[in-house]
PDB file of N, CA and C in Angstrom:
ATOM      1  N   MET A   1     135.338 143.591  85.873  1.00  0.00           N
ATOM      2  CA  MET A   1     134.584 143.097  84.820  1.00  0.00           C
ATOM      3  C   MET A   1     133.099 142.705  85.292  1.00  0.00           C
ATOM      4  N   HIS A   2     132.149 142.836  84.200  1.00  0.00           N
ATOM      5  CA  HIS A   2     130.939 142.367  84.587  1.00  0.00           C
ATOM      6  C   HIS A   2     130.615 140.877  83.912  1.00  0.00           C
ATOM      7  N   ILE A   3     130.427 140.153  84.923  1.00  0.00           N
ATOM      8  CA  ILE A   3     130.170 138.787  84.573  1.00  0.00           C
ATOM      9  C   ILE A   3     128.729 138.233  84.455  1.00  0.00           C
ATOM     10  N   LEU A   4     128.313 137.519  83.406  1.00  0.00           N
ATOM     11  CA  LEU A   4     126.997 136.920  83.355  1.00  0.00           C
ATOM     12  C   LEU A   4     127.165 135.524  83.840  1.00  0.00           C
ATOM     13  N   LEU A   5     126.519 135.098  84.816  1.00  0.00           N
ATOM     14  CA  LEU A   5     126.679 133.902  85.499  1.00  0.00           C
ATOM     15  C   LEU A   5     125.333 133.058  85.497  1.00  0.00           C
ATOM     16  N   THR A   6     125.326 131.921  84.827  1.00  0.00           N
ATOM     17  CA  THR A   6     124.122 131.022  84.798  1.00  0.00           C
ATOM     18  C   THR A   6     124.206 129.898  85.876  1.00  0.00           C
ATOM     19  N   GLY A   7     123.113 129.613  86.444  1.00  0.00           N
ATOM     20  CA  GLY A   7     123.147 128.620  87.447  1.00  0.00           C
ATOM     21  C   GLY A   7     123.801 129.219  88.816  1.00  0.00           C
ATOM     22  N   GLY A   8     123.486 130.357  88.983  1.00  0.00           N
ATOM     23  CA  GLY A   8     123.939 131.022  90.232  1.00  0.00           C
ATOM     24  C   GLY A   8     123.344 130.787  91.408  1.00  0.00           C
ATOM     25  N   ALA A   9     122.197 130.116  91.458  1.00  0.00           N
ATOM     26  CA  ALA A   9     121.406 129.638  92.733  1.00  0.00           C
ATOM     27  C   ALA A   9     121.821 128.326  93.113  1.00  0.00           C
ATOM     28  N   GLY A  10     122.628 127.691  92.450  1.00  0.00           N
ATOM     29  CA  GLY A  10     123.136 126.265  92.872  1.00  0.00           C
ATOM     30  C   GLY A  10     124.431 126.419  93.652  1.00  0.00           C
ATOM     31  N   TYR A  11     124.885 125.270  94.254  1.00  0.00           N
ATOM     32  CA  TYR A  11     126.000 125.227  95.121  1.00  0.00           C
ATOM     33  C   TYR A  11     127.369 125.879  94.435  1.00  0.00           C
ATOM     34  N   ILE A  12     127.694 125.434  93.384  1.00  0.00           N
ATOM     35  CA  ILE A  12     128.958 125.823  92.688  1.00  0.00           C
ATOM     36  C   ILE A  12     128.688 127.280  92.096  1.00  0.00           C
ATOM     37  N   GLY A  13     127.596 127.511  91.527  1.00  0.00           N
ATOM     38  CA  GLY A  13     127.321 128.775  90.973  1.00  0.00           C
ATOM     39  C   GLY A  13     127.459 129.942  92.084  1.00  0.00           C
ATOM     40  N   SER A  14     126.681 129.692  93.145  1.00  0.00           N
ATOM     41  CA  SER A  14     126.691 130.697  94.266  1.00  0.00           C
ATOM     42  C   SER A  14     127.911 130.821  94.887  1.00  0.00           C
ATOM     43  N   HIS A  15     128.768 129.905  95.059  1.00  0.00           N
ATOM     44  CA  HIS A  15     130.070 130.027  95.588  1.00  0.00           C
ATOM     45  C   HIS A  15     130.920 131.003  94.547  1.00  0.00           C
ATOM     46  N   THR A  16     130.867 130.537  93.267  1.00  0.00           N
ATOM     47  CA  THR A  16     131.661 131.299  92.096  1.00  0.00           C
ATOM     48  C   THR A  16     131.170 132.708  92.269  1.00  0.00           C
ATOM     49  N   CYS A  17     129.933 133.019  92.386  1.00  0.00           N
ATOM     50  CA  CYS A  17     129.354 134.457  92.459  1.00  0.00           C
ATOM     51  C   CYS A  17     129.979 135.173  93.685  1.00  0.00           C
ATOM     52  N   LEU A  18     130.082 134.443  94.900  1.00  0.00           N
ATOM     53  CA  LEU A  18     130.742 135.178  95.971  1.00  0.00           C
ATOM     54  C   LEU A  18     132.074 135.442  95.638  1.00  0.00           C
ATOM     55  N   SER A  19     132.795 134.535  95.184  1.00  0.00           N
ATOM     56  CA  SER A  19     134.199 134.703  94.825  1.00  0.00           C
ATOM     57  C   SER A  19     134.421 135.944  93.804  1.00  0.00           C
ATOM     58  N   LEU A  20     133.625 135.954  92.964  1.00  0.00           N
ATOM     59  CA  LEU A  20     133.765 136.954  91.805  1.00  0.00           C
ATOM     60  C   LEU A  20     133.340 138.444  92.577  1.00  0.00           C
ATOM     61  N   LEU A  21     132.376 138.475  93.363  1.00  0.00           N
ATOM     62  CA  LEU A  21     131.997 139.735  94.088  1.00  0.00           C
ATOM     63  C   LEU A  21     133.245 140.205  94.951  1.00  0.00           C
ATOM     64  N   GLU A  22     133.696 139.169  95.646  1.00  0.00           N
ATOM     65  CA  GLU A  22     134.862 139.410  96.589  1.00  0.00           C
ATOM     66  C   GLU A  22     136.091 139.940  95.931  1.00  0.00           C
ATOM     67  N   ALA A  23     136.191 139.623  94.674  1.00  0.00           N
ATOM     68  CA  ALA A  23     137.382 139.964  93.853  1.00  0.00           C
ATOM     69  C   ALA A  23     137.003 141.466  93.143  1.00  0.00           C
ATOM     70  N   GLY A  24     135.821 141.863  93.294  1.00  0.00           N
ATOM     71  CA  GLY A  24     135.568 143.249  92.749  1.00  0.00           C
ATOM     72  C   GLY A  24     134.803 143.344  91.446  1.00  0.00           C
ATOM     73  N   HIS A  25     134.483 142.130  91.100  1.00  0.00           N
ATOM     74  CA  HIS A  25     133.665 142.082  89.901  1.00  0.00           C
ATOM     75  C   HIS A  25     132.114 142.263  90.156  1.00  0.00           C
ATOM     76  N   LYS A  26     131.361 142.774  89.062  1.00  0.00           N
ATOM     77  CA  LYS A  26     129.942 142.871  88.998  1.00  0.00           C
ATOM     78  C   LYS A  26     129.367 141.673  88.441  1.00  0.00           C
ATOM     79  N   VAL A  27     128.352 141.056  89.146  1.00  0.00           N
ATOM     80  CA  VAL A  27     127.780 139.692  88.641  1.00  0.00           C
ATOM     81  C   VAL A  27     126.418 139.947  88.495  1.00  0.00           C
ATOM     82  N   THR A  28     125.940 139.366  87.368  1.00  0.00           N
ATOM     83  CA  THR A  28     124.510 139.176  87.078  1.00  0.00           C
ATOM     84  C   THR A  28     124.114 137.763  86.982  1.00  0.00           C
ATOM     85  N   VAL A  29     123.264 137.181  87.840  1.00  0.00           N
ATOM     86  CA  VAL A  29     122.946 135.817  87.767  1.00  0.00           C
ATOM     87  C   VAL A  29     121.705 135.528  87.170  1.00  0.00           C
ATOM     88  N   ILE A  30     121.730 134.507  86.301  1.00  0.00           N
ATOM     89  CA  ILE A  30     120.571 133.895  85.604  1.00  0.00           C
ATOM     90  C   ILE A  30     120.272 132.538  86.215  1.00  0.00           C
ATOM     91  N   ASP A  31     119.073 132.328  86.796  1.00  0.00           N
ATOM     92  CA  ASP A  31     118.686 130.866  87.160  1.00  0.00           C
ATOM     93  C   ASP A  31     117.241 130.859  87.129  1.00  0.00           C
ATOM     94  N   ASP A  32     116.690 129.568  86.711  1.00  0.00           N
ATOM     95  CA  ASP A  32     115.313 129.451  86.695  1.00  0.00           C
ATOM     96  C   ASP A  32     114.835 128.844  88.001  1.00  0.00           C
ATOM     97  N   LEU A  33     115.531 128.718  88.960  1.00  0.00           N
ATOM     98  CA  LEU A  33     115.351 128.128  90.351  1.00  0.00           C
ATOM     99  C   LEU A  33     114.563 126.784  90.329  1.00  0.00           C
ATOM    100  N   SER A  34     114.769 126.013  89.236  1.00  0.00           N
ATOM    101  CA  SER A  34     114.185 124.637  89.240  1.00  0.00           C
ATOM    102  C   SER A  34     114.941 123.700  90.213  1.00  0.00           C
ATOM    103  N   THR A  35     116.172 123.897  90.372  1.00  0.00           N
ATOM    104  CA  THR A  35     116.923 123.151  91.404  1.00  0.00           C
ATOM    105  C   THR A  35     117.700 124.001  92.297  1.00  0.00           C
ATOM    106  N   GLY A  36     117.877 125.250  92.059  1.00  0.00           N
ATOM    107  CA  GLY A  36     118.791 126.095  92.933  1.00  0.00           C
ATOM    108  C   GLY A  36     117.767 126.959  93.860  1.00  0.00           C
ATOM    109  N   HIS A  37     118.332 127.603  94.712  1.00  0.00           N
ATOM    110  CA  HIS A  37     117.719 128.230  95.852  1.00  0.00           C
ATOM    111  C   HIS A  37     117.976 129.730  95.786  1.00  0.00           C
ATOM    112  N   LYS A  38     117.088 130.532  95.676  1.00  0.00           N
ATOM    113  CA  LYS A  38     117.145 131.953  95.563  1.00  0.00           C
ATOM    114  C   LYS A  38     118.050 132.594  96.727  1.00  0.00           C
ATOM    115  N   GLU A  39     117.771 131.998  98.018  1.00  0.00           N
ATOM    116  CA  GLU A  39     118.491 132.490  99.044  1.00  0.00           C
ATOM    117  C   GLU A  39     120.023 132.302  98.926  1.00  0.00           C
ATOM    118  N   LEU A  40     120.578 131.449  98.001  1.00  0.00           N
ATOM    119  CA  LEU A  40     122.002 131.359  97.882  1.00  0.00           C
ATOM    120  C   LEU A  40     122.660 132.316  96.954  1.00  0.00           C
ATOM    121  N   ILE A  41     121.864 133.014  96.292  1.00  0.00           N
ATOM    122  CA  ILE A  41     122.249 134.189  95.331  1.00  0.00           C
ATOM    123  C   ILE A  41     122.652 135.408  96.188  1.00  0.00           C
ATOM    124  N   PRO A  42     123.906 135.768  96.194  1.00  0.00           N
ATOM    125  CA  PRO A  42     124.333 136.915  97.038  1.00  0.00           C
ATOM    126  C   PRO A  42     123.605 138.228  96.628  1.00  0.00           C
ATOM    127  N   LYS A  43     123.199 138.936  97.697  1.00  0.00           N
ATOM    128  CA  LYS A  43     122.474 140.109  97.555  1.00  0.00           C
ATOM    129  C   LYS A  43     123.095 141.247  96.727  1.00  0.00           C
ATOM    130  N   GLU A  44     124.423 141.166  96.590  1.00  0.00           N
ATOM    131  CA  GLU A  44     125.036 142.225  95.884  1.00  0.00           C
ATOM    132  C   GLU A  44     125.036 141.845  94.386  1.00  0.00           C
ATOM    133  N   SER A  45     124.514 140.797  93.916  1.00  0.00           N
ATOM    134  CA  SER A  45     124.580 140.570  92.413  1.00  0.00           C
ATOM    135  C   SER A  45     123.125 140.894  91.928  1.00  0.00           C
ATOM    136  N   GLU A  46     123.111 141.081  90.676  1.00  0.00           N
ATOM    137  CA  GLU A  46     121.705 141.351  90.023  1.00  0.00           C
ATOM    138  C   GLU A  46     121.201 139.811  89.749  1.00  0.00           C
ATOM    139  N   PHE A  47     119.848 139.795  89.571  1.00  0.00           N
ATOM    140  CA  PHE A  47     119.310 138.453  89.473  1.00  0.00           C
ATOM    141  C   PHE A  47     118.119 138.519  88.437  1.00  0.00           C
ATOM    142  N   LEU A  48     118.181 137.597  87.394  1.00  0.00           N
ATOM    143  CA  LEU A  48     117.133 137.414  86.530  1.00  0.00           C
ATOM    144  C   LEU A  48     116.606 136.006  86.501  1.00  0.00           C
ATOM    145  N   GLN A  49     115.438 135.759  87.002  1.00  0.00           N
ATOM    146  CA  GLN A  49     114.774 134.474  86.974  1.00  0.00           C
ATOM    147  C   GLN A  49     114.200 134.189  85.588  1.00  0.00           C
ATOM    148  N   CYS A  50     115.038 133.161  84.957  1.00  0.00           N
ATOM    149  CA  CYS A  50     114.643 132.628  83.729  1.00  0.00           C
ATOM    150  C   CYS A  50     115.431 131.427  83.393  1.00  0.00           C
ATOM    151  N   ASN A  51     115.011 130.606  82.380  1.00  0.00           N
ATOM    152  CA  ASN A  51     115.696 129.493  81.894  1.00  0.00           C
ATOM    153  C   ASN A  51     116.754 130.040  80.857  1.00  0.00           C
ATOM    154  N   ILE A  52     117.688 129.229  80.586  1.00  0.00           N
ATOM    155  CA  ILE A  52     118.801 129.660  79.646  1.00  0.00           C
ATOM    156  C   ILE A  52     118.230 129.691  78.313  1.00  0.00           C
ATOM    157  N   ASN A  53     117.076 128.947  77.886  1.00  0.00           N
ATOM    158  CA  ASN A  53     116.458 128.915  76.566  1.00  0.00           C
ATOM    159  C   ASN A  53     115.506 130.084  76.279  1.00  0.00           C
ATOM    160  N   GLU A  54     115.448 131.076  77.380  1.00  0.00           N
ATOM    161  CA  GLU A  54     114.617 132.113  77.036  1.00  0.00           C
ATOM    162  C   GLU A  54     115.241 133.251  76.332  1.00  0.00           C
ATOM    163  N   SER A  55     115.353 133.083  75.154  1.00  0.00           N
ATOM    164  CA  SER A  55     116.432 133.836  74.291  1.00  0.00           C
ATOM    165  C   SER A  55     116.004 135.454  74.332  1.00  0.00           C
ATOM    166  N   ASP A  56     114.705 135.721  74.334  1.00  0.00           N
ATOM    167  CA  ASP A  56     114.238 137.049  74.384  1.00  0.00           C
ATOM    168  C   ASP A  56     114.656 137.788  75.614  1.00  0.00           C
ATOM    169  N   LYS A  57     114.421 137.163  76.713  1.00  0.00           N
ATOM    170  CA  LYS A  57     114.857 137.912  78.124  1.00  0.00           C
ATOM    171  C   LYS A  57     116.310 137.970  78.171  1.00  0.00           C
ATOM    172  N   ILE A  58     117.024 137.033  77.758  1.00  0.00           N
ATOM    173  CA  ILE A  58     118.528 136.952  77.801  1.00  0.00           C
ATOM    174  C   ILE A  58     119.034 138.064  76.719  1.00  0.00           C
ATOM    175  N   SER A  59     118.549 138.337  75.599  1.00  0.00           N
ATOM    176  CA  SER A  59     118.848 139.099  74.730  1.00  0.00           C
ATOM    177  C   SER A  59     118.649 140.554  75.209  1.00  0.00           C
ATOM    178  N   ASN A  60     117.502 140.720  75.655  1.00  0.00           N
ATOM    179  CA  ASN A  60     117.244 142.075  76.369  1.00  0.00           C
ATOM    180  C   ASN A  60     118.324 142.338  77.376  1.00  0.00           C
ATOM    181  N   LEU A  61     118.591 141.317  78.349  1.00  0.00           N
ATOM    182  CA  LEU A  61     119.636 141.567  79.276  1.00  0.00           C
ATOM    183  C   LEU A  61     121.040 141.926  78.762  1.00  0.00           C
ATOM    184  N   ILE A  62     121.350 141.264  77.646  1.00  0.00           N
ATOM    185  CA  ILE A  62     122.603 141.483  77.143  1.00  0.00           C
ATOM    186  C   ILE A  62     122.698 143.033  76.411  1.00  0.00           C
ATOM    187  N   ARG A  63     121.567 143.262  75.811  1.00  0.00           N
ATOM    188  CA  ARG A  63     121.495 144.501  75.158  1.00  0.00           C
ATOM    189  C   ARG A  63     121.794 145.726  76.302  1.00  0.00           C
ATOM    190  N   ARG A  64     121.271 145.474  77.498  1.00  0.00           N
ATOM    191  CA  ARG A  64     121.190 146.523  78.452  1.00  0.00           C
ATOM    192  C   ARG A  64     122.408 146.572  79.284  1.00  0.00           C
ATOM    193  N   ASN A  65     123.310 145.543  79.073  1.00  0.00           N
ATOM    194  CA  ASN A  65     124.507 145.564  79.781  1.00  0.00           C
ATOM    195  C   ASN A  65     125.699 145.348  79.051  1.00  0.00           C
ATOM    196  N   ASN A  66     126.903 145.641  79.554  1.00  0.00           N
ATOM    197  CA  ASN A  66     128.083 145.392  78.818  1.00  0.00           C
ATOM    198  C   ASN A  66     128.930 144.291  79.457  1.00  0.00           C
ATOM    199  N   PHE A  67     128.583 143.013  79.217  1.00  0.00           N
ATOM    200  CA  PHE A  67     129.161 141.925  79.918  1.00  0.00           C
ATOM    201  C   PHE A  67     130.583 141.572  79.352  1.00  0.00           C
ATOM    202  N   ASP A  68     131.406 141.233  80.055  1.00  0.00           N
ATOM    203  CA  ASP A  68     132.781 140.872  79.752  1.00  0.00           C
ATOM    204  C   ASP A  68     133.021 139.373  79.615  1.00  0.00           C
ATOM    205  N   ALA A  69     132.073 138.501  80.272  1.00  0.00           N
ATOM    206  CA  ALA A  69     132.379 137.269  80.187  1.00  0.00           C
ATOM    207  C   ALA A  69     131.037 136.435  80.668  1.00  0.00           C
ATOM    208  N   LEU A  70     130.954 135.210  80.155  1.00  0.00           N
ATOM    209  CA  LEU A  70     129.772 134.251  80.639  1.00  0.00           C
ATOM    210  C   LEU A  70     130.470 133.124  81.278  1.00  0.00           C
ATOM    211  N   ILE A  71     129.900 132.801  82.432  1.00  0.00           N
ATOM    212  CA  ILE A  71     130.298 131.504  83.139  1.00  0.00           C
ATOM    213  C   ILE A  71     128.970 130.766  83.188  1.00  0.00           C
ATOM    214  N   HIS A  72     128.927 129.649  82.750  1.00  0.00           N
ATOM    215  CA  HIS A  72     127.803 128.783  82.496  1.00  0.00           C
ATOM    216  C   HIS A  72     127.833 127.576  83.495  1.00  0.00           C
ATOM    217  N   PHE A  73     126.858 127.458  84.459  1.00  0.00           N
ATOM    218  CA  PHE A  73     126.674 126.457  85.489  1.00  0.00           C
ATOM    219  C   PHE A  73     125.333 125.933  85.314  1.00  0.00           C
ATOM    220  N   ALA A  74     124.530 126.434  84.481  1.00  0.00           N
ATOM    221  CA  ALA A  74     122.965 125.894  84.505  1.00  0.00           C
ATOM    222  C   ALA A  74     123.028 124.625  83.891  1.00  0.00           C
ATOM    223  N   GLY A  75     122.682 123.543  84.571  1.00  0.00           N
ATOM    224  CA  GLY A  75     122.464 122.285  84.058  1.00  0.00           C
ATOM    225  C   GLY A  75     122.021 121.358  85.128  1.00  0.00           C
ATOM    226  N   PHE A  76     121.290 120.276  84.744  1.00  0.00           N
ATOM    227  CA  PHE A  76     120.993 119.282  85.501  1.00  0.00           C
ATOM    228  C   PHE A  76     121.988 118.273  85.850  1.00  0.00           C
ATOM    229  N   ILE A  77     122.129 117.846  87.098  1.00  0.00           N
ATOM    230  CA  ILE A  77     123.498 117.080  87.484  1.00  0.00           C
ATOM    231  C   ILE A  77     123.048 115.728  88.172  1.00  0.00           C
ATOM    232  N   GLN A  78     121.827 115.309  88.337  1.00  0.00           N
ATOM    233  CA  GLN A  78     121.458 114.141  88.984  1.00  0.00           C
ATOM    234  C   GLN A  78     121.665 112.922  88.088  1.00  0.00           C
ATOM    235  N   VAL A  79     122.849 112.023  88.406  1.00  0.00           N
ATOM    236  CA  VAL A  79     123.146 110.949  87.498  1.00  0.00           C
ATOM    237  C   VAL A  79     122.027 109.793  87.292  1.00  0.00           C
ATOM    238  N   GLU A  80     121.425 109.501  88.422  1.00  0.00           N
ATOM    239  CA  GLU A  80     120.324 108.445  88.265  1.00  0.00           C
ATOM    240  C   GLU A  80     119.098 108.920  87.502  1.00  0.00           C
ATOM    241  N   GLU A  81     118.761 110.168  87.738  1.00  0.00           N
ATOM    242  CA  GLU A  81     117.625 110.693  86.939  1.00  0.00           C
ATOM    243  C   GLU A  81     118.110 110.903  85.492  1.00  0.00           C
ATOM    244  N   SER A  82     119.214 111.205  85.126  1.00  0.00           N
ATOM    245  CA  SER A  82     119.897 111.467  83.654  1.00  0.00           C
ATOM    246  C   SER A  82     119.682 109.984  82.910  1.00  0.00           C
ATOM    247  N   VAL A  83     119.809 108.866  83.745  1.00  0.00           N
ATOM    248  CA  VAL A  83     119.849 107.618  83.167  1.00  0.00           C
ATOM    249  C   VAL A  83     118.355 107.273  82.774  1.00  0.00           C
ATOM    250  N   LYS A  84     117.564 107.662  83.735  1.00  0.00           N
ATOM    251  CA  LYS A  84     115.999 107.259  83.535  1.00  0.00           C
ATOM    252  C   LYS A  84     115.374 108.215  82.544  1.00  0.00           C
ATOM    253  N   ASN A  85     115.881 109.414  82.253  1.00  0.00           N
ATOM    254  CA  ASN A  85     115.226 110.359  81.559  1.00  0.00           C
ATOM    255  C   ASN A  85     116.287 111.186  80.735  1.00  0.00           C
ATOM    256  N   PRO A  86     117.029 110.467  79.846  1.00  0.00           N
ATOM    257  CA  PRO A  86     118.149 111.160  79.182  1.00  0.00           C
ATOM    258  C   PRO A  86     117.597 112.317  78.166  1.00  0.00           C
ATOM    259  N   LYS A  87     116.452 112.094  77.691  1.00  0.00           N
ATOM    260  CA  LYS A  87     115.912 113.190  76.695  1.00  0.00           C
ATOM    261  C   LYS A  87     115.921 114.605  77.614  1.00  0.00           C
ATOM    262  N   LYS A  88     115.409 114.454  78.850  1.00  0.00           N
ATOM    263  CA  LYS A  88     115.305 115.851  79.557  1.00  0.00           C
ATOM    264  C   LYS A  88     116.597 116.456  79.750  1.00  0.00           C
ATOM    265  N   TYR A  89     117.735 115.620  80.009  1.00  0.00           N
ATOM    266  CA  TYR A  89     119.022 116.017  80.300  1.00  0.00           C
ATOM    267  C   TYR A  89     119.607 116.605  78.939  1.00  0.00           C
ATOM    268  N   PHE A  90     119.416 115.826  77.919  1.00  0.00           N
ATOM    269  CA  PHE A  90     120.047 116.311  76.556  1.00  0.00           C
ATOM    270  C   PHE A  90     119.426 117.656  76.245  1.00  0.00           C
ATOM    271  N   GLU A  91     118.103 117.794  76.379  1.00  0.00           N
ATOM    272  CA  GLU A  91     117.348 118.971  76.053  1.00  0.00           C
ATOM    273  C   GLU A  91     117.853 120.059  76.811  1.00  0.00           C
ATOM    274  N   ASN A  92     118.007 119.989  78.204  1.00  0.00           N
ATOM    275  CA  ASN A  92     118.451 121.046  79.058  1.00  0.00           C
ATOM    276  C   ASN A  92     119.784 121.347  78.901  1.00  0.00           C
ATOM    277  N   ASN A  93     120.837 120.323  79.048  1.00  0.00           N
ATOM    278  CA  ASN A  93     122.235 120.456  79.281  1.00  0.00           C
ATOM    279  C   ASN A  93     122.851 120.698  77.785  1.00  0.00           C
ATOM    280  N   THR A  94     122.442 120.246  76.792  1.00  0.00           N
ATOM    281  CA  THR A  94     122.894 120.475  75.416  1.00  0.00           C
ATOM    282  C   THR A  94     122.181 121.450  74.614  1.00  0.00           C
ATOM    283  N   ASN A  95     120.840 121.165  74.262  1.00  0.00           N
ATOM    284  CA  ASN A  95     120.197 122.097  73.529  1.00  0.00           C
ATOM    285  C   ASN A  95     119.873 123.489  74.113  1.00  0.00           C
ATOM    286  N   ASN A  96     119.653 123.575  75.263  1.00  0.00           N
ATOM    287  CA  ASN A  96     119.412 124.872  75.966  1.00  0.00           C
ATOM    288  C   ASN A  96     120.814 125.609  76.038  1.00  0.00           C
ATOM    289  N   SER A  97     122.004 124.875  76.209  1.00  0.00           N
ATOM    290  CA  SER A  97     123.174 125.561  76.358  1.00  0.00           C
ATOM    291  C   SER A  97     123.491 126.125  74.950  1.00  0.00           C
ATOM    292  N   ILE A  98     123.324 125.330  73.899  1.00  0.00           N
ATOM    293  CA  ILE A  98     123.631 125.875  72.611  1.00  0.00           C
ATOM    294  C   ILE A  98     122.783 127.049  72.253  1.00  0.00           C
ATOM    295  N   GLU A  99     121.602 127.142  72.626  1.00  0.00           N
ATOM    296  CA  GLU A  99     120.629 128.369  72.462  1.00  0.00           C
ATOM    297  C   GLU A  99     121.154 129.570  73.216  1.00  0.00           C
ATOM    298  N   LEU A 100     121.651 129.235  74.431  1.00  0.00           N
ATOM    299  CA  LEU A 100     122.374 130.322  75.196  1.00  0.00           C
ATOM    300  C   LEU A 100     123.522 130.852  74.520  1.00  0.00           C
ATOM    301  N   PHE A 101     124.489 129.986  74.006  1.00  0.00           N
ATOM    302  CA  PHE A 101     125.636 130.571  73.452  1.00  0.00           C
ATOM    303  C   PHE A 101     125.277 131.337  72.167  1.00  0.00           C
ATOM    304  N   GLU A 102     124.392 130.802  71.273  1.00  0.00           N
ATOM    305  CA  GLU A 102     123.939 131.458  70.178  1.00  0.00           C
ATOM    306  C   GLU A 102     123.318 132.899  70.543  1.00  0.00           C
ATOM    307  N   THR A 103     122.621 132.980  71.599  1.00  0.00           N
ATOM    308  CA  THR A 103     122.065 134.263  72.056  1.00  0.00           C
ATOM    309  C   THR A 103     123.018 135.223  72.320  1.00  0.00           C
ATOM    310  N   CYS A 104     124.100 134.726  73.061  1.00  0.00           N
ATOM    311  CA  CYS A 104     125.260 135.541  73.497  1.00  0.00           C
ATOM    312  C   CYS A 104     126.000 136.162  72.349  1.00  0.00           C
ATOM    313  N   PHE A 105     126.043 135.379  71.257  1.00  0.00           N
ATOM    314  CA  PHE A 105     126.762 135.818  70.143  1.00  0.00           C
ATOM    315  C   PHE A 105     125.994 136.449  69.080  1.00  0.00           C
TER     316      PHE A 105
END
């Protein structure tokens, strides 16, 4: 399978990517590196640096590839910051996710 994985430069995303690659899948990672680390992305995967709300870039990527699945881990996760700045978290974790899903369909 060819998997599109968002948030692949984070802890959970990078380990998921490794597991998928070890299972024989092809993986393309999307991450804007705002909180992730590029060195965590396995070299065997493809990588597109962008935010999940960059619909044009993601649409072009989807048109050029035949993805079988989307695994979405791109999101802010700091609880204390989310309480102090809920609008930032709502925009990224909700609105940007909705835009990503609409782009994929």
